[in-house]
């Protein structure tokens, strides 16, 4: 079924003002440079202004103070912030398209599992013993939910996710396809003969509210107690979070980064792509790590920006990078000076 709105309806949702045909219909969204009839686009970045005059989109969101310099064929809706308004519409669209309800006859749900109203459980999903699902939870096909797991209200778990036993996920979370929560931590004790003895991992993974976990990201269960992902944390795809790690509220980590065991990151930290963080460290609130940083020591002062391997001050790192690029020139100058000195000494 196609979701269709008039420009007037969109404006009413956003508190905007229509300029053009208020009855023109839109049923999908598109980038302004790739617009087509029936599409809704937005203009927020001045670099894309030229596309406003050529776009085929039926409706374009613009900032309320925007002044066009040529005729605009599309119907415009003026809003205080076009980017924020577009994001609001995307959320409405996503909620509509993801509004699945019902239990598939091809899903397996243990007799003692509990689930709230308006839940969705897709084909070939497995819900283990004593599992508790809140209201409006969406469990997509081929998801595994182990015994004693808990999933809070309005959380979405996409296809192929594996939630080991005792995993706890809060409300309003999103777990993307292929993520694995609760696998054993990497715990092995070296033996005298050179082999390793596995240390049992008997804890779990605890995820707070409003957390998003990207595709193929893995979060290991703790040796004891919980690996903790606090409220508002955002994890990209392909991230490894080891056992006993704790991520503070609203911390964000980009793809291909890894956090080793028992490290604690504070609140509102930002970790760019391909960052490696060693184990048993304490990272202060609001710490930022640039891409490919190697973090080998703790950070005690909040708000630091670090980069490089080993990590150090971001601004100093940028200056050192410039100096490194000048090394060949400096080498050449030294060689020339040595020749001149040799000539002077030979006289």
C-alpha atoms as a PDB file:
ATOM      1  CA  UNK A   1       0.000   0.000   0.000  1.00  0.00           C
ATOM      2  CA  UNK A   2       1.341   3.399  -1.001  1.00  0.00           C
ATOM      3  CA  UNK A   3       1.510   6.150   1.630  1.00  0.00           C
ATOM      4  CA  UNK A   4       0.381   9.402  -0.020  1.00  0.00           C
ATOM      5  CA  UNK A   5       0.191  12.940   1.369  1.00  0.00           C
ATOM      6  CA  UNK A   6      -0.694  16.316  -0.086  1.00  0.00           C
ATOM      7  CA  UNK A   7       1.651  19.281   0.289  1.00  0.00           C
ATOM      8  CA  UNK A   8      -0.889  20.804   2.673  1.00  0.00           C
ATOM      9  CA  UNK A   9      -0.849  17.687   4.873  1.00  0.00           C
ATOM     10  CA  UNK A  10       2.949  17.649   4.945  1.00  0.00           C
ATOM     11  CA  UNK A  11       3.020  21.327   5.866  1.00  0.00           C
ATOM     12  CA  UNK A  12       0.529  20.714   8.668  1.00  0.00           C
ATOM     13  CA  UNK A  13       2.712  17.918  10.082  1.00  0.00           C
ATOM     14  CA  UNK A  14       5.769  20.162  10.057  1.00  0.00           C
ATOM     15  CA  UNK A  15       4.173  23.477  10.947  1.00  0.00           C
ATOM     16  CA  UNK A  16       5.264  24.858   7.568  1.00  0.00           C
ATOM     17  CA  UNK A  17       3.830  27.173   4.930  1.00  0.00           C
ATOM     18  CA  UNK A  18       2.994  26.049   1.372  1.00  0.00           C
ATOM     19  CA  UNK A  19       4.073  28.059  -1.670  1.00  0.00           C
ATOM     20  CA  UNK A  20       2.551  26.507  -4.777  1.00  0.00           C
ATOM     21  CA  UNK A  21      -0.077  23.787  -5.192  1.00  0.00           C
ATOM     22  CA  UNK A  22      -1.271  22.666  -1.730  1.00  0.00           C
ATOM     23  CA  UNK A  23      -3.061  19.617  -3.204  1.00  0.00           C
ATOM     24  CA  UNK A  24      -0.095  18.118  -5.086  1.00  0.00           C
ATOM     25  CA  UNK A  25       0.610  14.604  -3.830  1.00  0.00           C
ATOM     26  CA  UNK A  26       3.877  12.965  -2.747  1.00  0.00           C
ATOM     27  CA  UNK A  27       4.441   9.319  -1.836  1.00  0.00           C
ATOM     28  CA  UNK A  28       8.199   8.949  -1.506  1.00  0.00           C
ATOM     29  CA  UNK A  29      11.381  10.934  -0.861  1.00  0.00           C
ATOM     30  CA  UNK A  30      14.416  11.630  -3.030  1.00  0.00           C
ATOM     31  CA  UNK A  31      17.553  13.745  -3.144  1.00  0.00           C
ATOM     32  CA  UNK A  32      16.865  17.078  -4.766  1.00  0.00           C
ATOM     33  CA  UNK A  33      19.261  16.389  -7.660  1.00  0.00           C
ATOM     34  CA  UNK A  34      17.546  13.051  -8.395  1.00  0.00           C
ATOM     35  CA  UNK A  35      13.928  14.119  -7.947  1.00  0.00           C
ATOM     36  CA  UNK A  36      10.943  12.764  -9.845  1.00  0.00           C
ATOM     37  CA  UNK A  37       7.184  13.456  -9.855  1.00  0.00           C
ATOM     38  CA  UNK A  38       5.611  12.312  -6.606  1.00  0.00           C
ATOM     39  CA  UNK A  39       8.873  12.733  -4.694  1.00  0.00           C
ATOM     40  CA  UNK A  40       9.562  15.035  -1.754  1.00  0.00           C
ATOM     41  CA  UNK A  41      13.042  16.582  -1.380  1.00  0.00           C
ATOM     42  CA  UNK A  42      14.684  19.179   0.818  1.00  0.00           C
ATOM     43  CA  UNK A  43      17.161  22.035   0.388  1.00  0.00           C
ATOM     44  CA  UNK A  44      19.388  22.838   3.362  1.00  0.00           C
ATOM     45  CA  UNK A  45      22.921  23.012   1.943  1.00  0.00           C
ATOM     46  CA  UNK A  46      23.592  26.114  -0.235  1.00  0.00           C
ATOM     47  CA  UNK A  47      25.756  23.949  -2.523  1.00  0.00           C
ATOM     48  CA  UNK A  48      22.577  22.372  -3.887  1.00  0.00           C
ATOM     49  CA  UNK A  49      20.604  25.546  -4.611  1.00  0.00           C
ATOM     50  CA  UNK A  50      20.959  25.167  -8.397  1.00  0.00           C
ATOM     51  CA  UNK A  51      19.035  21.883  -8.271  1.00  0.00           C
ATOM     52  CA  UNK A  52      15.975  23.615  -6.816  1.00  0.00           C
ATOM     53  CA  UNK A  53      15.334  25.262 -10.187  1.00  0.00           C
ATOM     54  CA  UNK A  54      15.660  22.022 -12.184  1.00  0.00           C
ATOM     55  CA  UNK A  55      14.395  19.292  -9.846  1.00  0.00           C
ATOM     56  CA  UNK A  56      11.484  17.119 -10.947  1.00  0.00           C
ATOM     57  CA  UNK A  57      10.403  16.551  -7.325  1.00  0.00           C
ATOM     58  CA  UNK A  58       6.835  17.636  -6.654  1.00  0.00           C
ATOM     59  CA  UNK A  59       7.555  19.185  -3.246  1.00  0.00           C
ATOM     60  CA  UNK A  60      10.727  20.659  -1.749  1.00  0.00           C
ATOM     61  CA  UNK A  61      11.261  21.678   1.867  1.00  0.00           C
ATOM     62  CA  UNK A  62      13.200  24.934   2.198  1.00  0.00           C
ATOM     63  CA  UNK A  63      14.232  27.129   5.126  1.00  0.00           C
ATOM     64  CA  UNK A  64      11.672  29.803   5.885  1.00  0.00           C
ATOM     65  CA  UNK A  65      14.172  32.614   5.137  1.00  0.00           C
ATOM     66  CA  UNK A  66      15.215  31.215   1.728  1.00  0.00           C
ATOM     67  CA  UNK A  67      14.903  33.699  -1.178  1.00  0.00           C
ATOM     68  CA  UNK A  68      14.831  32.094  -4.664  1.00  0.00           C
ATOM     69  CA  UNK A  69      16.582  33.885  -7.544  1.00  0.00           C
ATOM     70  CA  UNK A  70      14.657  32.151 -10.347  1.00  0.00           C
ATOM     71  CA  UNK A  71      11.228  30.531 -10.862  1.00  0.00           C
ATOM     72  CA  UNK A  72      10.713  27.275  -8.937  1.00  0.00           C
ATOM     73  CA  UNK A  73       8.537  24.635 -10.606  1.00  0.00           C
ATOM     74  CA  UNK A  74       8.136  22.502  -7.481  1.00  0.00           C
ATOM     75  CA  UNK A  75       5.803  23.362  -4.646  1.00  0.00           C
ATOM     76  CA  UNK A  76       7.854  24.684  -1.746  1.00  0.00           C
ATOM     77  CA  UNK A  77       7.102  24.216   1.942  1.00  0.00           C
ATOM     78  CA  UNK A  78       8.846  26.746   4.137  1.00  0.00           C
ATOM     79  CA  UNK A  79       9.921  25.431   7.564  1.00  0.00           C
ATOM     80  CA  UNK A  80      12.279  26.744  10.276  1.00  0.00           C
ATOM     81  CA  UNK A  81      14.902  24.054   9.510  1.00  0.00           C
ATOM     82  CA  UNK A  82      14.570  22.058   6.275  1.00  0.00           C
ATOM     83  CA  UNK A  83      17.065  19.374   7.302  1.00  0.00           C
ATOM     84  CA  UNK A  84      15.406  18.743  10.651  1.00  0.00           C
ATOM     85  CA  UNK A  85      11.956  18.726   9.043  1.00  0.00           C
ATOM     86  CA  UNK A  86      13.077  16.188   6.439  1.00  0.00           C
ATOM     87  CA  UNK A  87      14.475  13.960   9.176  1.00  0.00           C
ATOM     88  CA  UNK A  88      11.117  14.198  10.956  1.00  0.00           C
ATOM     89  CA  UNK A  89       9.327  13.041   7.806  1.00  0.00           C
ATOM     90  CA  UNK A  90      11.746  10.154   7.326  1.00  0.00           C
ATOM     91  CA  UNK A  91      10.943   9.005  10.852  1.00  0.00           C
ATOM     92  CA  UNK A  92       7.204   9.071  10.051  1.00  0.00           C
ATOM     93  CA  UNK A  93       7.794   7.144   6.820  1.00  0.00           C
ATOM     94  CA  UNK A  94       9.962   4.543   8.566  1.00  0.00           C
ATOM     95  CA  UNK A  95       7.392   4.067  11.304  1.00  0.00           C
ATOM     96  CA  UNK A  96       4.719   3.505   8.677  1.00  0.00           C
ATOM     97  CA  UNK A  97       6.713   1.011   6.609  1.00  0.00           C
ATOM     98  CA  UNK A  98       7.949  -0.883   9.688  1.00  0.00           C
ATOM     99  CA  UNK A  99       4.575  -1.107  11.365  1.00  0.00           C
ATOM    100  CA  UNK A 100       4.419  -4.884  11.322  1.00  0.00           C
ATOM    101  CA  UNK A 101       2.156  -6.691  13.762  1.00  0.00           C
ATOM    102  CA  UNK A 102       1.387 -10.359  14.329  1.00  0.00           C
ATOM    103  CA  UNK A 103       3.044 -13.668  15.101  1.00  0.00           C
ATOM    104  CA  UNK A 104       4.015 -15.818  12.133  1.00  0.00           C
ATOM    105  CA  UNK A 105       2.880 -19.429  12.232  1.00  0.00           C
ATOM    106  CA  UNK A 106       6.419 -20.325  11.153  1.00  0.00           C
ATOM    107  CA  UNK A 107       8.007 -18.722  14.222  1.00  0.00           C
ATOM    108  CA  UNK A 108       8.860 -20.751  17.333  1.00  0.00           C
ATOM    109  CA  UNK A 109       7.941 -19.187  20.690  1.00  0.00           C
ATOM    110  CA  UNK A 110       8.490 -21.102  23.929  1.00  0.00           C
ATOM    111  CA  UNK A 111       5.367 -21.752  25.973  1.00  0.00           C
ATOM    112  CA  UNK A 112       6.670 -19.736  28.922  1.00  0.00           C
ATOM    113  CA  UNK A 113       7.796 -16.736  26.882  1.00  0.00           C
ATOM    114  CA  UNK A 114       5.869 -13.490  27.379  1.00  0.00           C
ATOM    115  CA  UNK A 115       5.152 -10.751  24.861  1.00  0.00           C
ATOM    116  CA  UNK A 116       3.190  -7.511  24.979  1.00  0.00           C
ATOM    117  CA  UNK A 117       0.516  -6.170  22.666  1.00  0.00           C
ATOM    118  CA  UNK A 118       1.198  -5.248  19.031  1.00  0.00           C
ATOM    119  CA  UNK A 119       4.338  -7.401  18.804  1.00  0.00           C
ATOM    120  CA  UNK A 120       5.637  -8.789  15.537  1.00  0.00           C
ATOM    121  CA  UNK A 121       7.560 -12.059  15.297  1.00  0.00           C
ATOM    122  CA  UNK A 122       8.578 -13.049  11.765  1.00  0.00           C
ATOM    123  CA  UNK A 123       9.143 -16.352  10.024  1.00  0.00           C
ATOM    124  CA  UNK A 124      11.723 -18.753  11.495  1.00  0.00           C
ATOM    125  CA  UNK A 125      12.425 -16.549  14.491  1.00  0.00           C
ATOM    126  CA  UNK A 126      13.214 -18.454  17.698  1.00  0.00           C
ATOM    127  CA  UNK A 127      12.102 -17.149  21.089  1.00  0.00           C
ATOM    128  CA  UNK A 128      13.577 -19.150  23.987  1.00  0.00           C
ATOM    129  CA  UNK A 129      12.414 -20.065  27.451  1.00  0.00           C
ATOM    130  CA  UNK A 130      11.259 -17.319  29.823  1.00  0.00           C
ATOM    131  CA  UNK A 131      11.943 -14.576  27.271  1.00  0.00           C
ATOM    132  CA  UNK A 132      10.100 -11.311  27.886  1.00  0.00           C
ATOM    133  CA  UNK A 133       9.172  -9.037  24.985  1.00  0.00           C
ATOM    134  CA  UNK A 134       7.626  -5.640  25.695  1.00  0.00           C
ATOM    135  CA  UNK A 135       4.921  -3.818  23.758  1.00  0.00           C
ATOM    136  CA  UNK A 136       5.364  -3.058  20.035  1.00  0.00           C
ATOM    137  CA  UNK A 137       8.554  -5.137  19.788  1.00  0.00           C
ATOM    138  CA  UNK A 138       9.478  -6.149  16.228  1.00  0.00           C
ATOM    139  CA  UNK A 139      11.364  -9.435  15.820  1.00  0.00           C
ATOM    140  CA  UNK A 140      12.178  -9.954  12.148  1.00  0.00           C
ATOM    141  CA  UNK A 141      12.652 -13.364  10.462  1.00  0.00           C
ATOM    142  CA  UNK A 142      15.506 -15.662  11.498  1.00  0.00           C
ATOM    143  CA  UNK A 143      16.247 -13.862  14.763  1.00  0.00           C
ATOM    144  CA  UNK A 144      17.438 -16.004  17.678  1.00  0.00           C
ATOM    145  CA  UNK A 145      16.494 -14.849  21.179  1.00  0.00           C
ATOM    146  CA  UNK A 146      18.055 -17.046  23.871  1.00  0.00           C
ATOM    147  CA  UNK A 147      16.610 -18.107  27.198  1.00  0.00           C
ATOM    148  CA  UNK A 148      15.821 -15.427  29.798  1.00  0.00           C
ATOM    149  CA  UNK A 149      16.457 -12.555  27.391  1.00  0.00           C
ATOM    150  CA  UNK A 150      14.510  -9.314  27.855  1.00  0.00           C
ATOM    151  CA  UNK A 151      13.581  -6.846  25.092  1.00  0.00           C
ATOM    152  CA  UNK A 152      11.899  -3.569  26.017  1.00  0.00           C
ATOM    153  CA  UNK A 153       8.979  -1.714  24.443  1.00  0.00           C
ATOM    154  CA  UNK A 154       9.241  -0.432  20.857  1.00  0.00           C
ATOM    155  CA  UNK A 155      12.573  -2.143  20.143  1.00  0.00           C
ATOM    156  CA  UNK A 156      13.250  -3.444  16.629  1.00  0.00           C
ATOM    157  CA  UNK A 157      15.474  -6.483  16.009  1.00  0.00           C
ATOM    158  CA  UNK A 158      16.239  -6.962  12.314  1.00  0.00           C
ATOM    159  CA  UNK A 159      16.746 -10.274  10.438  1.00  0.00           C
ATOM    160  CA  UNK A 160      19.507 -12.632  11.457  1.00  0.00           C
ATOM    161  CA  UNK A 161      20.344 -11.071  14.831  1.00  0.00           C
ATOM    162  CA  UNK A 162      21.522 -13.475  17.525  1.00  0.00           C
ATOM    163  CA  UNK A 163      20.788 -12.617  21.160  1.00  0.00           C
ATOM    164  CA  UNK A 164      22.390 -15.109  23.521  1.00  0.00           C
ATOM    165  CA  UNK A 165      20.806 -16.144  26.807  1.00  0.00           C
ATOM    166  CA  UNK A 166      20.153 -13.442  29.441  1.00  0.00           C
ATOM    167  CA  UNK A 167      20.765 -10.555  27.032  1.00  0.00           C
ATOM    168  CA  UNK A 168      18.850  -7.478  28.181  1.00  0.00           C
ATOM    169  CA  UNK A 169      17.829  -4.770  25.696  1.00  0.00           C
ATOM    170  CA  UNK A 170      15.948  -1.659  26.777  1.00  0.00           C
ATOM    171  CA  UNK A 171      13.209   0.391  25.171  1.00  0.00           C
ATOM    172  CA  UNK A 172      13.242   2.116  21.760  1.00  0.00           C
ATOM    173  CA  UNK A 173      16.377   0.323  20.568  1.00  0.00           C
ATOM    174  CA  UNK A 174      17.358  -0.837  17.079  1.00  0.00           C
ATOM    175  CA  UNK A 175      19.554  -3.884  16.454  1.00  0.00           C
ATOM    176  CA  UNK A 176      20.536  -4.311  12.814  1.00  0.00           C
ATOM    177  CA  UNK A 177      20.990  -7.513  10.840  1.00  0.00           C
ATOM    178  CA  UNK A 178      23.812  -9.863  11.724  1.00  0.00           C
ATOM    179  CA  UNK A 179      24.585  -8.348  15.120  1.00  0.00           C
ATOM    180  CA  UNK A 180      25.551 -10.833  17.835  1.00  0.00           C
ATOM    181  CA  UNK A 181      25.011  -9.924  21.482  1.00  0.00           C
ATOM    182  CA  UNK A 182      26.171 -12.169  24.281  1.00  0.00           C
ATOM    183  CA  UNK A 183      28.782 -14.436  22.683  1.00  0.00           C
ATOM    184  CA  UNK A 184      31.604 -15.513  25.013  1.00  0.00           C
ATOM    185  CA  UNK A 185      34.279 -12.986  25.836  1.00  0.00           C
ATOM    186  CA  UNK A 186      37.834 -13.760  24.715  1.00  0.00           C
ATOM    187  CA  UNK A 187      39.009 -15.230  28.006  1.00  0.00           C
ATOM    188  CA  UNK A 188      41.750 -17.871  28.058  1.00  0.00           C
ATOM    189  CA  UNK A 189      44.346 -18.711  30.714  1.00  0.00           C
ATOM    190  CA  UNK A 190      47.830 -19.677  29.379  1.00  0.00           C
ATOM    191  CA  UNK A 191      48.991 -23.081  30.623  1.00  0.00           C
ATOM    192  CA  UNK A 192      52.499 -24.311  31.380  1.00  0.00           C
ATOM    193  CA  UNK A 193      52.515 -26.520  28.295  1.00  0.00           C
ATOM    194  CA  UNK A 194      51.740 -23.593  25.982  1.00  0.00           C
ATOM    195  CA  UNK A 195      48.040 -24.360  25.589  1.00  0.00           C
ATOM    196  CA  UNK A 196      45.108 -22.230  26.755  1.00  0.00           C
ATOM    197  CA  UNK A 197      42.334 -23.052  29.192  1.00  0.00           C
ATOM    198  CA  UNK A 198      38.997 -21.413  28.530  1.00  0.00           C
ATOM    199  CA  UNK A 199      37.650 -19.171  31.305  1.00  0.00           C
ATOM    200  CA  UNK A 200      33.863 -19.581  31.531  1.00  0.00           C
ATOM    201  CA  UNK A 201      31.919 -16.427  30.676  1.00  0.00           C
ATOM    202  CA  UNK A 202      28.815 -16.471  32.866  1.00  0.00           C
ATOM    203  CA  UNK A 203      27.697 -12.814  32.682  1.00  0.00           C
ATOM    204  CA  UNK A 204      25.491 -11.139  30.114  1.00  0.00           C
ATOM    205  CA  UNK A 205      25.076  -8.065  27.912  1.00  0.00           C
ATOM    206  CA  UNK A 206      22.979  -5.172  29.208  1.00  0.00           C
ATOM    207  CA  UNK A 207      21.778  -2.562  26.702  1.00  0.00           C
ATOM    208  CA  UNK A 208      19.955   0.554  27.899  1.00  0.00           C
ATOM    209  CA  UNK A 209      17.245   2.606  26.192  1.00  0.00           C
ATOM    210  CA  UNK A 210      17.445   4.423  22.832  1.00  0.00           C
ATOM    211  CA  UNK A 211      20.510   2.473  21.699  1.00  0.00           C
ATOM    212  CA  UNK A 212      21.244   1.625  18.053  1.00  0.00           C
ATOM    213  CA  UNK A 213      23.552  -1.277  17.168  1.00  0.00           C
ATOM    214  CA  UNK A 214      24.799  -1.597  13.593  1.00  0.00           C
ATOM    215  CA  UNK A 215      24.912  -4.590  11.279  1.00  0.00           C
ATOM    216  CA  UNK A 216      27.435  -7.332  12.094  1.00  0.00           C
ATOM    217  CA  UNK A 217      28.497  -5.614  15.298  1.00  0.00           C
ATOM    218  CA  UNK A 218      29.384  -7.964  18.164  1.00  0.00           C
ATOM    219  CA  UNK A 219      29.103  -7.347  21.904  1.00  0.00           C
ATOM    220  CA  UNK A 220      30.552 -10.065  24.144  1.00  0.00           C
ATOM    221  CA  UNK A 221      29.015 -11.180  27.413  1.00  0.00           C
ATOM    222  CA  UNK A 222      31.010 -10.430  30.555  1.00  0.00           C
ATOM    223  CA  UNK A 223      32.990 -12.937  32.548  1.00  0.00           C
ATOM    224  CA  UNK A 224      30.745 -11.992  35.486  1.00  0.00           C
ATOM    225  CA  UNK A 225      28.170  -9.220  35.919  1.00  0.00           C
ATOM    226  CA  UNK A 226      27.374  -7.373  32.632  1.00  0.00           C
ATOM    227  CA  UNK A 227      28.951  -5.817  29.585  1.00  0.00           C
ATOM    228  CA  UNK A 228      27.087  -2.492  29.725  1.00  0.00           C
ATOM    229  CA  UNK A 229      25.885  -0.314  26.867  1.00  0.00           C
ATOM    230  CA  UNK A 230      24.213   2.684  28.480  1.00  0.00           C
ATOM    231  CA  UNK A 231      21.299   4.827  27.258  1.00  0.00           C
ATOM    232  CA  UNK A 232      21.658   6.634  23.946  1.00  0.00           C
ATOM    233  CA  UNK A 233      24.785   4.824  22.704  1.00  0.00           C
ATOM    234  CA  UNK A 234      25.112   4.604  18.905  1.00  0.00           C
ATOM    235  CA  UNK A 235      27.225   1.821  17.390  1.00  0.00           C
ATOM    236  CA  UNK A 236      28.002   1.635  13.682  1.00  0.00           C
ATOM    237  CA  UNK A 237      28.414  -1.551  11.638  1.00  0.00           C
ATOM    238  CA  UNK A 238      31.309  -3.986  12.148  1.00  0.00           C
ATOM    239  CA  UNK A 239      32.305  -3.003  15.685  1.00  0.00           C
ATOM    240  CA  UNK A 240      33.730  -5.319  18.350  1.00  0.00           C
ATOM    241  CA  UNK A 241      32.892  -4.625  21.994  1.00  0.00           C
ATOM    242  CA  UNK A 242      34.711  -7.052  24.279  1.00  0.00           C
ATOM    243  CA  UNK A 243      33.683  -8.567  27.607  1.00  0.00           C
ATOM    244  CA  UNK A 244      33.214  -6.359  30.686  1.00  0.00           C
ATOM    245  CA  UNK A 245      33.353  -3.157  28.600  1.00  0.00           C
ATOM    246  CA  UNK A 246      31.169  -0.239  29.668  1.00  0.00           C
ATOM    247  CA  UNK A 247      30.067   2.471  27.243  1.00  0.00           C
ATOM    248  CA  UNK A 248      28.720   5.663  28.829  1.00  0.00           C
ATOM    249  CA  UNK A 249      25.531   7.428  27.811  1.00  0.00           C
ATOM    250  CA  UNK A 250      25.358   8.926  24.304  1.00  0.00           C
ATOM    251  CA  UNK A 251      28.765   7.632  23.241  1.00  0.00           C
ATOM    252  CA  UNK A 252      29.052   7.043  19.477  1.00  0.00           C
ATOM    253  CA  UNK A 253      31.479   4.632  17.778  1.00  0.00           C
ATOM    254  CA  UNK A 254      32.071   4.401  14.015  1.00  0.00           C
ATOM    255  CA  UNK A 255      32.676   1.295  11.915  1.00  0.00           C
ATOM    256  CA  UNK A 256      35.569  -1.146  12.281  1.00  0.00           C
ATOM    257  CA  UNK A 257      36.528   0.069  15.733  1.00  0.00           C
ATOM    258  CA  UNK A 258      37.218  -2.256  18.639  1.00  0.00           C
ATOM    259  CA  UNK A 259      37.189  -1.870  22.406  1.00  0.00           C
ATOM    260  CA  UNK A 260      39.170  -4.466  24.375  1.00  0.00           C
ATOM    261  CA  UNK A 261      38.038  -6.088  27.596  1.00  0.00           C
ATOM    262  CA  UNK A 262      37.210  -4.219  30.810  1.00  0.00           C
ATOM    263  CA  UNK A 263      37.677  -0.747  29.323  1.00  0.00           C
ATOM    264  CA  UNK A 264      35.218   1.945  30.427  1.00  0.00           C
ATOM    265  CA  UNK A 265      34.331   4.826  28.102  1.00  0.00           C
ATOM    266  CA  UNK A 266      32.620   7.833  29.652  1.00  0.00           C
ATOM    267  CA  UNK A 267      29.568   9.744  28.506  1.00  0.00           C
ATOM    268  CA  UNK A 268      29.341  11.497  25.110  1.00  0.00           C
ATOM    269  CA  UNK A 269      32.588  10.075  23.756  1.00  0.00           C
ATOM    270  CA  UNK A 270      33.123  10.007  19.978  1.00  0.00           C
ATOM    271  CA  UNK A 271      35.182   7.215  18.431  1.00  0.00           C
ATOM    272  CA  UNK A 272      35.884   7.501  14.697  1.00  0.00           C
ATOM    273  CA  UNK A 273      36.423   4.595  12.304  1.00  0.00           C
ATOM    274  CA  UNK A 274      39.093   1.915  12.741  1.00  0.00           C
ATOM    275  CA  UNK A 275      40.050   2.988  16.250  1.00  0.00           C
ATOM    276  CA  UNK A 276      41.591   0.356  18.508  1.00  0.00           C
ATOM    277  CA  UNK A 277      41.216   0.788  22.274  1.00  0.00           C
ATOM    278  CA  UNK A 278      43.273  -1.414  24.603  1.00  0.00           C
ATOM    279  CA  UNK A 279      41.852  -3.206  27.600  1.00  0.00           C
ATOM    280  CA  UNK A 280      41.480  -2.192  31.250  1.00  0.00           C
ATOM    281  CA  UNK A 281      41.463   1.555  30.489  1.00  0.00           C
ATOM    282  CA  UNK A 282      39.355   4.432  31.779  1.00  0.00           C
ATOM    283  CA  UNK A 283      38.336   7.011  29.163  1.00  0.00           C
ATOM    284  CA  UNK A 284      36.933  10.295  30.492  1.00  0.00           C
ATOM    285  CA  UNK A 285      33.650  11.866  29.372  1.00  0.00           C
ATOM    286  CA  UNK A 286      33.506  13.689  26.018  1.00  0.00           C
ATOM    287  CA  UNK A 287      36.755  12.213  24.718  1.00  0.00           C
ATOM    288  CA  UNK A 288      37.098  12.209  20.918  1.00  0.00           C
ATOM    289  CA  UNK A 289      39.364   9.799  19.026  1.00  0.00           C
ATOM    290  CA  UNK A 290      40.178  10.497  15.363  1.00  0.00           C
ATOM    291  CA  UNK A 291      40.162   7.740  12.738  1.00  0.00           C
ATOM    292  CA  UNK A 292      42.689   4.896  13.099  1.00  0.00           C
ATOM    293  CA  UNK A 293      43.806   6.044  16.525  1.00  0.00           C
ATOM    294  CA  UNK A 294      45.588   3.476  18.680  1.00  0.00           C
ATOM    295  CA  UNK A 295      44.595   3.994  22.312  1.00  0.00           C
ATOM    296  CA  UNK A 296      47.113   2.373  24.641  1.00  0.00           C
ATOM    297  CA  UNK A 297      46.612   4.431  27.786  1.00  0.00           C
ATOM    298  CA  UNK A 298      43.749   5.915  29.760  1.00  0.00           C
ATOM    299  CA  UNK A 299      42.377   9.449  29.383  1.00  0.00           C
ATOM    300  CA  UNK A 300      41.736  11.248  32.669  1.00  0.00           C
ATOM    301  CA  UNK A 301      40.810  14.748  31.478  1.00  0.00           C
ATOM    302  CA  UNK A 302      37.308  15.183  29.971  1.00  0.00           C
ATOM    303  CA  UNK A 303      36.874  16.712  26.521  1.00  0.00           C
ATOM    304  CA  UNK A 304      40.252  15.742  25.039  1.00  0.00           C
ATOM    305  CA  UNK A 305      40.661  15.228  21.267  1.00  0.00           C
ATOM    306  CA  UNK A 306      43.261  12.589  20.424  1.00  0.00           C
ATOM    307  CA  UNK A 307      44.678  10.975  17.308  1.00  0.00           C
ATOM    308  CA  UNK A 308      47.631   8.859  16.191  1.00  0.00           C
ATOM    309  CA  UNK A 309      49.124   5.619  17.453  1.00  0.00           C
ATOM    310  CA  UNK A 310      49.803   5.810  20.302  1.00  0.00           C
ATOM    311  CA  UNK A 311      47.123   8.468  20.802  1.00  0.00           C
ATOM    312  CA  UNK A 312      48.109  12.045  21.604  1.00  0.00           C
ATOM    313  CA  UNK A 313      46.791  15.591  21.226  1.00  0.00           C
ATOM    314  CA  UNK A 314      44.857  16.032  17.971  1.00  0.00           C
ATOM    315  CA  UNK A 315      46.257  19.469  17.056  1.00  0.00           C
ATOM    316  CA  UNK A 316      49.816  18.357  17.785  1.00  0.00           C
ATOM    317  CA  UNK A 317      49.212  15.276  15.632  1.00  0.00           C
ATOM    318  CA  UNK A 318      48.150  17.443  12.683  1.00  0.00           C
ATOM    319  CA  UNK A 319      51.264  19.639  13.060  1.00  0.00           C
ATOM    320  CA  UNK A 320      53.490  16.559  13.262  1.00  0.00           C
ATOM    321  CA  UNK A 321      51.899  15.193  10.084  1.00  0.00           C
ATOM    322  CA  UNK A 322      52.879  18.375   8.232  1.00  0.00           C
ATOM    323  CA  UNK A 323      56.410  18.110   9.612  1.00  0.00           C
ATOM    324  CA  UNK A 324      56.665  14.483   8.487  1.00  0.00           C
ATOM    325  CA  UNK A 325      55.740  15.472   4.935  1.00  0.00           C
ATOM    326  CA  UNK A 326      58.618  17.946   4.959  1.00  0.00           C
ATOM    327  CA  UNK A 327      61.224  15.343   5.956  1.00  0.00           C
ATOM    328  CA  UNK A 328      62.347  14.592   2.340  1.00  0.00           C
ATOM    329  CA  UNK A 329      62.915  18.318   1.737  1.00  0.00           C
ATOM    330  CA  UNK A 330      64.825  18.652   5.000  1.00  0.00           C
ATOM    331  CA  UNK A 331      66.917  15.619   4.098  1.00  0.00           C
ATOM    332  CA  UNK A 332      67.797  17.176   0.757  1.00  0.00           C
ATOM    333  CA  UNK A 333      68.733  20.491   2.408  1.00  0.00           C
ATOM    334  CA  UNK A 334      70.975  18.718   4.925  1.00  0.00           C
ATOM    335  CA  UNK A 335      72.733  16.848   2.121  1.00  0.00           C
ATOM    336  CA  UNK A 336      73.340  20.139   0.285  1.00  0.00           C
ATOM    337  CA  UNK A 337      74.676  21.781   3.458  1.00  0.00           C
ATOM    338  CA  UNK A 338      76.998  18.826   4.060  1.00  0.00           C
ATOM    339  CA  UNK A 339      78.433  19.216   0.558  1.00  0.00           C
ATOM    340  CA  UNK A 340      78.978  22.927   1.085  1.00  0.00           C
ATOM    341  CA  UNK A 341      80.619  22.268   4.458  1.00  0.00           C
ATOM    342  CA  UNK A 342      82.864  19.644   2.907  1.00  0.00           C
ATOM    343  CA  UNK A 343      83.990  22.118   0.247  1.00  0.00           C
ATOM    344  CA  UNK A 344      84.709  24.798   2.858  1.00  0.00           C
ATOM    345  CA  UNK A 345      86.699  22.389   5.024  1.00  0.00           C
ATOM    346  CA  UNK A 346      88.781  21.203   2.061  1.00  0.00           C
ATOM    347  CA  UNK A 347      90.097  24.702   1.345  1.00  0.00           C
END
